[in-house]
N, C-alpha and C. Protein backbone atom coordinates (compact mmCIF):
# COMPACT_ATOMS: atom_id res chain seq x y z
N MET A 1 -55.62 -7.15 12.02
CA MET A 1 -53.98 -7.21 12.77
C MET A 1 -53.34 -5.48 11.82
N THR A 2 -52.07 -5.43 12.33
CA THR A 2 -51.18 -4.48 11.72
C THR A 2 -50.49 -5.19 10.65
N PRO A 3 -49.91 -4.36 9.51
CA PRO A 3 -48.76 -4.98 8.72
C PRO A 3 -47.68 -5.82 9.53
N GLN A 4 -47.37 -5.18 10.83
CA GLN A 4 -46.20 -5.52 11.51
C GLN A 4 -46.30 -6.77 12.03
N GLU A 5 -47.63 -6.97 12.62
CA GLU A 5 -48.17 -7.91 13.16
C GLU A 5 -48.16 -9.54 12.04
N LEU A 6 -48.31 -9.03 10.81
CA LEU A 6 -48.44 -9.75 9.52
C LEU A 6 -47.37 -10.71 9.54
N ALA A 7 -46.44 -9.51 9.75
CA ALA A 7 -44.97 -9.71 8.92
C ALA A 7 -44.36 -10.85 9.79
N ALA A 8 -44.76 -10.75 11.01
CA ALA A 8 -44.02 -11.99 11.96
C ALA A 8 -44.92 -13.24 11.82
N LYS A 9 -45.89 -13.63 10.84
CA LYS A 9 -46.37 -14.76 10.51
C LYS A 9 -45.73 -15.23 9.09
N THR A 10 -44.46 -14.51 8.52
CA THR A 10 -43.64 -15.16 7.37
C THR A 10 -43.21 -16.89 7.73
N GLY A 11 -43.67 -17.39 6.50
CA GLY A 11 -43.39 -18.69 6.91
C GLY A 11 -44.83 -19.19 7.08
N GLU A 12 -45.64 -18.80 7.30
CA GLU A 12 -46.74 -19.53 8.01
C GLU A 12 -48.11 -19.57 6.81
N VAL A 13 -48.59 -20.36 7.18
CA VAL A 13 -50.05 -20.37 6.14
C VAL A 13 -51.14 -19.67 6.95
N ILE A 14 -51.46 -18.74 6.15
CA ILE A 14 -51.90 -17.12 6.89
C ILE A 14 -53.88 -17.48 6.28
N GLY A 15 -53.99 -18.22 5.56
CA GLY A 15 -55.43 -18.14 4.93
C GLY A 15 -55.57 -19.19 4.25
N VAL A 16 -56.83 -20.23 4.37
CA VAL A 16 -57.40 -21.10 3.46
C VAL A 16 -58.92 -20.53 3.08
N SER A 17 -59.12 -20.54 1.82
CA SER A 17 -60.27 -20.33 1.38
C SER A 17 -61.32 -21.25 1.48
N GLU A 18 -62.46 -20.81 0.96
CA GLU A 18 -63.48 -21.69 0.96
C GLU A 18 -63.47 -22.47 -0.27
N TRP A 19 -64.30 -23.22 -0.51
CA TRP A 19 -64.42 -24.30 -2.00
C TRP A 19 -65.06 -23.38 -2.53
N LEU A 20 -64.48 -23.53 -4.01
CA LEU A 20 -65.26 -22.53 -5.54
C LEU A 20 -65.49 -23.59 -6.37
N GLU A 21 -66.73 -23.79 -6.85
CA GLU A 21 -67.12 -24.74 -8.36
C GLU A 21 -66.60 -23.84 -9.75
N VAL A 22 -65.77 -24.83 -10.28
CA VAL A 22 -65.50 -24.73 -11.58
C VAL A 22 -66.00 -24.88 -12.69
N SER A 23 -67.42 -24.19 -12.97
CA SER A 23 -68.25 -25.06 -13.61
C SER A 23 -67.98 -24.71 -15.05
N GLN A 24 -68.55 -25.82 -16.08
CA GLN A 24 -68.48 -25.68 -17.52
C GLN A 24 -68.88 -24.34 -18.04
N GLU A 25 -70.12 -23.60 -17.28
CA GLU A 25 -70.21 -22.23 -17.62
C GLU A 25 -69.30 -21.21 -17.40
N ARG A 26 -68.77 -21.38 -16.37
CA ARG A 26 -67.32 -20.38 -16.21
C ARG A 26 -66.29 -20.61 -17.12
N ILE A 27 -66.03 -21.82 -17.48
CA ILE A 27 -65.15 -22.03 -18.27
C ILE A 27 -65.39 -21.50 -19.57
N ASN A 28 -66.16 -21.59 -19.84
CA ASN A 28 -67.33 -21.08 -21.01
C ASN A 28 -66.95 -20.02 -21.06
N LYS A 29 -67.62 -18.95 -20.32
CA LYS A 29 -67.04 -17.66 -20.32
C LYS A 29 -65.72 -17.32 -20.40
N PHE A 30 -65.09 -17.77 -19.34
CA PHE A 30 -63.51 -17.65 -19.51
C PHE A 30 -63.06 -17.65 -21.23
N ALA A 31 -63.73 -18.64 -22.04
CA ALA A 31 -63.05 -19.03 -23.36
C ALA A 31 -63.58 -17.91 -24.38
N ASP A 32 -64.55 -17.48 -23.73
CA ASP A 32 -64.69 -16.62 -24.59
C ASP A 32 -64.36 -14.93 -24.24
N ALA A 33 -64.12 -14.99 -23.14
CA ALA A 33 -63.44 -13.27 -22.83
C ALA A 33 -61.88 -13.68 -23.16
N THR A 34 -61.08 -14.84 -23.36
CA THR A 34 -59.96 -14.71 -24.07
C THR A 34 -59.90 -14.97 -25.21
N ASP A 35 -60.76 -15.47 -25.95
CA ASP A 35 -60.88 -16.12 -27.40
C ASP A 35 -60.00 -17.35 -27.65
N ASP A 36 -60.13 -17.91 -26.13
CA ASP A 36 -59.33 -19.27 -25.94
C ASP A 36 -60.07 -20.43 -26.39
N HIS A 37 -60.59 -21.10 -27.41
CA HIS A 37 -61.89 -22.11 -27.47
C HIS A 37 -61.22 -23.15 -28.04
N GLN A 38 -59.94 -23.63 -27.60
CA GLN A 38 -59.52 -24.80 -27.68
C GLN A 38 -60.66 -25.79 -27.05
N PHE A 39 -60.58 -27.22 -27.96
CA PHE A 39 -61.62 -27.98 -27.70
C PHE A 39 -61.55 -28.46 -26.05
N ILE A 40 -60.66 -28.65 -25.59
CA ILE A 40 -60.35 -29.32 -24.57
C ILE A 40 -60.89 -28.82 -23.29
N HIS A 41 -61.12 -27.49 -23.55
CA HIS A 41 -62.13 -26.85 -22.75
C HIS A 41 -63.43 -26.50 -22.90
N ILE A 42 -64.06 -26.75 -24.18
CA ILE A 42 -65.36 -26.28 -24.50
C ILE A 42 -66.38 -27.46 -25.01
N ASP A 43 -65.74 -28.30 -25.65
CA ASP A 43 -66.13 -29.42 -26.37
C ASP A 43 -66.19 -30.65 -26.06
N LEU A 44 -67.12 -30.93 -25.16
CA LEU A 44 -67.64 -32.09 -24.30
C LEU A 44 -67.33 -33.31 -24.59
N GLU A 45 -67.76 -33.71 -26.00
CA GLU A 45 -67.79 -34.94 -26.81
C GLU A 45 -66.28 -35.08 -27.30
N LYS A 46 -65.72 -34.00 -27.88
CA LYS A 46 -64.04 -34.43 -27.94
C LYS A 46 -63.35 -34.60 -27.33
N ALA A 47 -63.33 -33.76 -25.81
CA ALA A 47 -62.44 -33.94 -24.61
C ALA A 47 -62.97 -35.17 -23.54
N LYS A 48 -64.01 -36.37 -24.03
CA LYS A 48 -63.99 -37.15 -23.75
C LYS A 48 -63.09 -38.17 -24.01
N HIS A 49 -62.50 -37.93 -25.22
CA HIS A 49 -61.34 -38.98 -25.71
C HIS A 49 -60.01 -38.50 -25.83
N THR A 50 -59.88 -37.70 -24.88
CA THR A 50 -58.42 -37.18 -24.54
C THR A 50 -57.97 -37.99 -23.36
N PRO A 51 -56.88 -37.81 -22.43
CA PRO A 51 -56.55 -38.47 -21.56
C PRO A 51 -57.20 -37.66 -20.11
N PHE A 52 -57.98 -36.34 -20.50
CA PHE A 52 -58.53 -35.62 -19.38
C PHE A 52 -59.75 -36.49 -19.26
N GLY A 53 -60.34 -37.28 -19.92
CA GLY A 53 -61.41 -37.46 -19.97
C GLY A 53 -62.95 -36.71 -19.74
N GLY A 54 -62.76 -35.59 -20.09
CA GLY A 54 -63.72 -34.47 -20.39
C GLY A 54 -63.08 -33.22 -20.49
N THR A 55 -64.25 -32.06 -20.14
CA THR A 55 -63.45 -30.74 -20.33
C THR A 55 -62.44 -30.35 -19.05
N ILE A 56 -61.87 -29.32 -19.47
CA ILE A 56 -60.65 -28.88 -18.35
C ILE A 56 -60.60 -27.55 -18.08
N ALA A 57 -60.57 -26.81 -17.02
CA ALA A 57 -60.64 -25.42 -16.96
C ALA A 57 -59.04 -24.98 -17.95
N HIS A 58 -59.25 -23.60 -18.28
CA HIS A 58 -57.63 -23.24 -18.73
C HIS A 58 -56.71 -22.97 -17.45
N GLY A 59 -55.52 -23.34 -17.72
CA GLY A 59 -54.37 -22.85 -16.36
C GLY A 59 -54.99 -21.46 -15.94
N PHE A 60 -55.00 -20.67 -16.91
CA PHE A 60 -54.77 -19.30 -17.09
C PHE A 60 -56.27 -18.95 -16.04
N LEU A 61 -57.55 -19.65 -16.53
CA LEU A 61 -58.51 -19.43 -15.46
C LEU A 61 -58.26 -19.88 -14.18
N THR A 62 -57.82 -20.84 -13.67
CA THR A 62 -57.25 -21.20 -12.82
C THR A 62 -56.48 -20.33 -11.76
N LEU A 63 -55.73 -19.63 -12.35
CA LEU A 63 -54.83 -18.25 -11.69
C LEU A 63 -55.42 -17.20 -11.68
N SER A 64 -56.39 -17.06 -12.35
CA SER A 64 -57.22 -15.69 -12.22
C SER A 64 -57.91 -15.78 -11.38
N LEU A 65 -58.48 -17.02 -10.56
CA LEU A 65 -59.21 -17.43 -9.29
C LEU A 65 -58.43 -16.87 -8.12
N ILE A 66 -57.23 -16.85 -8.13
CA ILE A 66 -56.77 -16.33 -7.05
C ILE A 66 -57.59 -15.00 -6.22
N PRO A 67 -57.81 -13.84 -6.57
CA PRO A 67 -58.51 -12.69 -6.43
C PRO A 67 -59.47 -13.34 -5.54
N ALA A 68 -60.33 -14.04 -6.26
CA ALA A 68 -61.72 -14.67 -5.81
C ALA A 68 -61.53 -15.34 -4.74
N LEU A 69 -60.86 -16.41 -5.04
CA LEU A 69 -60.44 -17.20 -3.41
C LEU A 69 -60.10 -16.66 -2.76
N GLY A 70 -58.95 -15.43 -2.59
CA GLY A 70 -58.78 -14.91 -1.40
C GLY A 70 -59.88 -13.88 -0.85
N ALA A 71 -60.80 -13.13 -1.36
CA ALA A 71 -62.10 -13.29 -1.24
C ALA A 71 -62.68 -13.98 -0.35
N LEU A 72 -62.73 -15.17 -0.41
CA LEU A 72 -63.68 -16.34 0.18
C LEU A 72 -62.31 -16.94 1.59
N THR A 73 -61.21 -16.00 1.36
CA THR A 73 -60.44 -16.74 2.42
C THR A 73 -60.44 -16.07 3.91
N LYS A 74 -60.62 -16.90 5.22
CA LYS A 74 -60.91 -16.91 6.49
C LYS A 74 -59.25 -16.36 6.84
N GLY A 75 -58.76 -15.79 7.58
CA GLY A 75 -57.18 -15.86 7.82
C GLY A 75 -56.95 -14.26 8.30
N ALA A 76 -55.45 -14.56 8.32
CA ALA A 76 -55.01 -13.10 8.64
C ALA A 76 -55.05 -11.76 7.61
N ARG A 77 -55.94 -10.75 8.48
CA ARG A 77 -56.23 -9.86 7.73
C ARG A 77 -55.45 -8.22 8.24
N ILE A 78 -55.33 -7.46 7.18
CA ILE A 78 -54.85 -6.07 7.68
C ILE A 78 -55.71 -5.29 8.03
N ASP A 79 -55.91 -4.64 9.13
CA ASP A 79 -56.95 -3.67 9.20
C ASP A 79 -56.41 -2.27 8.35
N GLY A 80 -57.40 -1.54 8.27
CA GLY A 80 -57.59 -0.18 7.78
C GLY A 80 -56.82 -0.10 6.17
N VAL A 81 -57.02 -1.31 5.41
CA VAL A 81 -56.48 -1.18 4.04
C VAL A 81 -57.54 -0.60 3.19
N LYS A 82 -56.64 0.64 2.41
CA LYS A 82 -57.63 1.13 1.48
C LYS A 82 -57.62 0.65 0.23
N MET A 83 -56.81 -0.23 -0.14
CA MET A 83 -56.37 -0.77 -2.01
C MET A 83 -55.52 -1.84 -1.66
N GLY A 84 -55.74 -2.66 -2.65
CA GLY A 84 -54.63 -3.49 -2.96
C GLY A 84 -55.12 -3.94 -4.04
N VAL A 85 -53.86 -4.25 -4.82
CA VAL A 85 -53.91 -4.51 -6.50
C VAL A 85 -52.67 -5.81 -6.44
N ASN A 86 -52.73 -6.37 -7.54
CA ASN A 86 -52.12 -7.63 -7.63
C ASN A 86 -50.70 -7.10 -8.64
N TYR A 87 -49.82 -7.44 -8.38
CA TYR A 87 -48.33 -6.85 -8.79
C TYR A 87 -47.70 -7.74 -9.49
N GLY A 88 -48.09 -8.74 -9.47
CA GLY A 88 -47.41 -10.10 -10.18
C GLY A 88 -47.10 -11.18 -9.65
N GLY A 89 -46.54 -12.50 -10.77
CA GLY A 89 -46.13 -13.49 -9.68
C GLY A 89 -44.31 -13.58 -10.14
N ASN A 90 -43.74 -14.35 -9.06
CA ASN A 90 -42.36 -14.88 -9.17
C ASN A 90 -42.55 -16.22 -10.35
N LYS A 91 -43.27 -16.84 -9.85
CA LYS A 91 -43.51 -18.56 -10.44
C LYS A 91 -44.83 -18.93 -10.78
N THR A 92 -45.16 -19.39 -11.20
CA THR A 92 -46.28 -20.18 -11.41
C THR A 92 -46.00 -21.90 -12.15
N ARG A 93 -46.86 -22.54 -11.49
CA ARG A 93 -46.31 -23.85 -12.08
C ARG A 93 -48.28 -24.65 -11.89
N PHE A 94 -48.76 -25.23 -13.16
CA PHE A 94 -49.30 -25.80 -13.73
C PHE A 94 -49.53 -27.19 -13.07
N ILE A 95 -49.78 -27.91 -11.88
CA ILE A 95 -49.43 -29.19 -11.94
C ILE A 95 -50.90 -30.58 -12.43
N SER A 96 -51.86 -29.68 -12.04
CA SER A 96 -52.94 -30.82 -12.46
C SER A 96 -54.28 -29.68 -13.24
N PRO A 97 -54.38 -30.89 -14.11
CA PRO A 97 -55.78 -29.97 -14.56
C PRO A 97 -57.10 -30.35 -13.63
N VAL A 98 -57.76 -28.88 -13.73
CA VAL A 98 -59.08 -28.81 -12.85
C VAL A 98 -60.35 -29.25 -14.15
N ARG A 99 -61.03 -30.20 -13.66
CA ARG A 99 -61.77 -30.78 -14.42
C ARG A 99 -63.25 -30.14 -14.37
N ALA A 100 -64.14 -29.99 -15.49
CA ALA A 100 -65.42 -29.08 -14.83
C ALA A 100 -65.81 -30.01 -14.29
N GLY A 101 -66.86 -29.11 -13.52
CA GLY A 101 -67.49 -29.02 -12.08
C GLY A 101 -67.12 -29.56 -10.74
N LYS A 102 -65.50 -29.49 -11.04
CA LYS A 102 -64.80 -29.87 -9.58
C LYS A 102 -64.48 -28.70 -9.12
N ARG A 103 -64.43 -28.72 -7.63
CA ARG A 103 -63.89 -27.46 -6.77
C ARG A 103 -62.83 -27.29 -6.19
N VAL A 104 -62.34 -25.95 -6.06
CA VAL A 104 -60.96 -26.00 -5.71
C VAL A 104 -60.93 -24.78 -4.44
N ARG A 105 -60.00 -24.80 -4.02
CA ARG A 105 -59.75 -23.78 -2.55
C ARG A 105 -58.09 -23.47 -2.82
N SER A 106 -57.93 -22.92 -1.96
CA SER A 106 -56.56 -21.69 -1.57
C SER A 106 -55.69 -21.55 -0.74
N HIS A 107 -55.02 -22.12 -0.76
CA HIS A 107 -53.90 -22.19 0.68
C HIS A 107 -52.59 -21.06 0.55
N SER A 108 -52.71 -19.89 1.37
CA SER A 108 -51.96 -19.13 1.06
C SER A 108 -51.04 -19.00 1.92
N LYS A 109 -49.77 -19.23 1.69
CA LYS A 109 -48.54 -19.07 2.82
C LYS A 109 -47.81 -17.99 2.42
N LEU A 110 -47.28 -17.09 3.77
CA LEU A 110 -46.95 -16.03 3.81
C LEU A 110 -45.42 -16.04 3.47
N LEU A 111 -44.55 -15.50 1.84
CA LEU A 111 -43.38 -15.91 2.22
C LEU A 111 -42.35 -14.88 2.59
N GLU A 112 -43.11 -13.55 2.28
CA GLU A 112 -42.70 -11.67 2.54
C GLU A 112 -43.75 -11.00 2.98
N LEU A 113 -43.51 -10.06 3.69
CA LEU A 113 -44.02 -8.69 3.86
C LEU A 113 -43.06 -7.46 4.10
N VAL A 114 -43.09 -6.27 3.20
CA VAL A 114 -42.11 -5.33 3.06
C VAL A 114 -42.67 -4.21 3.06
N GLU A 115 -42.52 -2.97 3.43
CA GLU A 115 -42.66 -1.98 3.32
C GLU A 115 -42.18 -1.28 2.17
N LYS A 116 -42.86 -1.07 1.29
CA LYS A 116 -41.95 -0.18 -0.13
C LYS A 116 -41.92 0.98 0.38
N ARG A 117 -43.12 1.94 0.91
CA ARG A 117 -42.80 3.24 0.86
C ARG A 117 -43.82 3.43 2.28
N PRO A 118 -44.00 4.73 3.08
CA PRO A 118 -44.80 4.70 4.13
C PRO A 118 -46.11 4.48 3.71
N GLY A 119 -46.86 3.55 4.09
CA GLY A 119 -48.31 2.65 3.85
C GLY A 119 -48.38 1.82 2.70
N GLN A 120 -47.40 1.49 1.86
CA GLN A 120 -47.17 0.55 0.81
C GLN A 120 -46.58 -0.30 0.86
N TRP A 121 -47.38 -1.70 1.12
CA TRP A 121 -46.83 -2.51 1.07
C TRP A 121 -46.89 -3.76 0.48
N GLN A 122 -45.95 -4.35 0.17
CA GLN A 122 -45.50 -5.57 -0.88
C GLN A 122 -45.86 -7.09 -0.13
N GLN A 123 -46.81 -7.76 -0.44
CA GLN A 123 -46.73 -9.11 0.01
C GLN A 123 -46.55 -10.46 -1.04
N THR A 124 -45.74 -11.10 -0.66
CA THR A 124 -45.48 -12.61 -1.46
C THR A 124 -46.11 -13.32 -0.70
N ASN A 125 -47.01 -14.28 -1.30
CA ASN A 125 -47.58 -15.51 -1.18
C ASN A 125 -47.23 -16.37 -1.77
N GLU A 126 -47.02 -18.01 -1.02
CA GLU A 126 -47.09 -19.01 -2.05
C GLU A 126 -48.49 -19.52 -1.98
N ILE A 127 -49.18 -19.65 -3.23
CA ILE A 127 -50.45 -20.02 -3.31
C ILE A 127 -50.65 -21.57 -3.91
N THR A 128 -51.32 -22.12 -2.98
CA THR A 128 -51.50 -23.55 -3.51
C THR A 128 -52.96 -23.64 -3.91
N ILE A 129 -53.33 -23.83 -4.94
CA ILE A 129 -54.92 -24.04 -5.32
C ILE A 129 -54.99 -25.60 -5.37
N GLU A 130 -55.63 -25.99 -4.44
CA GLU A 130 -56.02 -27.36 -4.24
C GLU A 130 -57.71 -27.96 -5.09
N ILE A 131 -57.52 -29.22 -5.32
CA ILE A 131 -58.69 -29.71 -6.17
C ILE A 131 -59.56 -30.70 -5.34
N GLU A 132 -60.50 -30.39 -4.83
CA GLU A 132 -60.97 -31.46 -4.07
C GLU A 132 -61.06 -32.83 -4.72
N GLY A 133 -60.56 -33.96 -3.72
CA GLY A 133 -60.56 -35.11 -3.60
C GLY A 133 -59.27 -35.60 -4.65
N GLU A 134 -58.64 -34.48 -4.84
CA GLU A 134 -57.47 -35.37 -5.82
C GLU A 134 -55.91 -34.79 -4.77
N ALA A 135 -54.95 -35.74 -5.24
CA ALA A 135 -53.83 -35.79 -4.37
C ALA A 135 -53.10 -34.66 -4.53
N LYS A 136 -52.65 -34.28 -6.13
CA LYS A 136 -51.89 -33.02 -6.25
C LYS A 136 -52.91 -31.73 -6.55
N PRO A 137 -52.31 -30.73 -6.13
CA PRO A 137 -52.85 -29.37 -6.61
C PRO A 137 -52.85 -29.05 -8.14
N ALA A 138 -53.83 -28.49 -8.07
CA ALA A 138 -53.99 -27.59 -9.77
C ALA A 138 -53.02 -26.78 -9.97
N LEU A 139 -52.51 -25.79 -9.39
CA LEU A 139 -51.48 -24.84 -9.35
C LEU A 139 -50.65 -24.48 -7.72
N ILE A 140 -49.51 -24.27 -8.00
CA ILE A 140 -48.59 -23.41 -6.80
C ILE A 140 -48.32 -22.07 -7.73
N ALA A 141 -48.46 -21.15 -7.17
CA ALA A 141 -47.96 -19.66 -7.28
C ALA A 141 -47.08 -19.13 -6.38
N GLU A 142 -46.36 -18.37 -6.92
CA GLU A 142 -45.65 -17.34 -5.93
C GLU A 142 -46.29 -16.09 -6.49
N TRP A 143 -47.01 -15.45 -5.64
CA TRP A 143 -47.89 -14.16 -6.34
C TRP A 143 -47.75 -12.74 -5.23
N ILE A 144 -47.37 -11.79 -6.21
CA ILE A 144 -47.02 -10.80 -5.45
C ILE A 144 -48.33 -9.84 -5.42
N THR A 145 -48.89 -9.11 -4.03
CA THR A 145 -50.07 -8.02 -3.95
C THR A 145 -49.11 -6.77 -3.48
N GLN A 146 -49.53 -5.53 -3.79
CA GLN A 146 -49.24 -4.43 -2.73
C GLN A 146 -50.58 -4.14 -2.05
N PHE A 147 -50.54 -3.61 -1.09
CA PHE A 147 -51.77 -2.64 -0.38
C PHE A 147 -51.36 -1.59 0.17
N PHE A 148 -52.29 -0.57 0.34
CA PHE A 148 -51.82 0.74 0.91
C PHE A 148 -52.84 0.64 2.32
N VAL A 149 -52.19 1.14 3.33
CA VAL A 149 -53.03 1.45 4.44
C VAL A 149 -53.21 3.62 4.84
């Protein structure tokens, strides 16, 4: 579709991703990459004695899954995109922890799509990352990307 056709979908959910498992191995690798080794993420025994009942993913790990979940999303796609980049976020709220071994998926609702310069578009989506089998989402973020056609 064209950017203009996508812009006509403002206010609509434009895609839902496939499920993605947040394994303990992924959590451990994220801890190593970020030097955030807090026990609630990596120490199974200590984490059992917390209100979480086990290890949980870092909130920033869950946030960092937005691009991966985007790649797993079936939905509205712009034809002829040469490149896309993360631009930032307006709001992020971590609602519920993601326990190790749980699966998550994203729902993307288009909030705004504007052409910044010829061929350069800025898209703002409300991203909700759902946790399989849980009533509350892991996070809700207003996320901004730019793409070039």
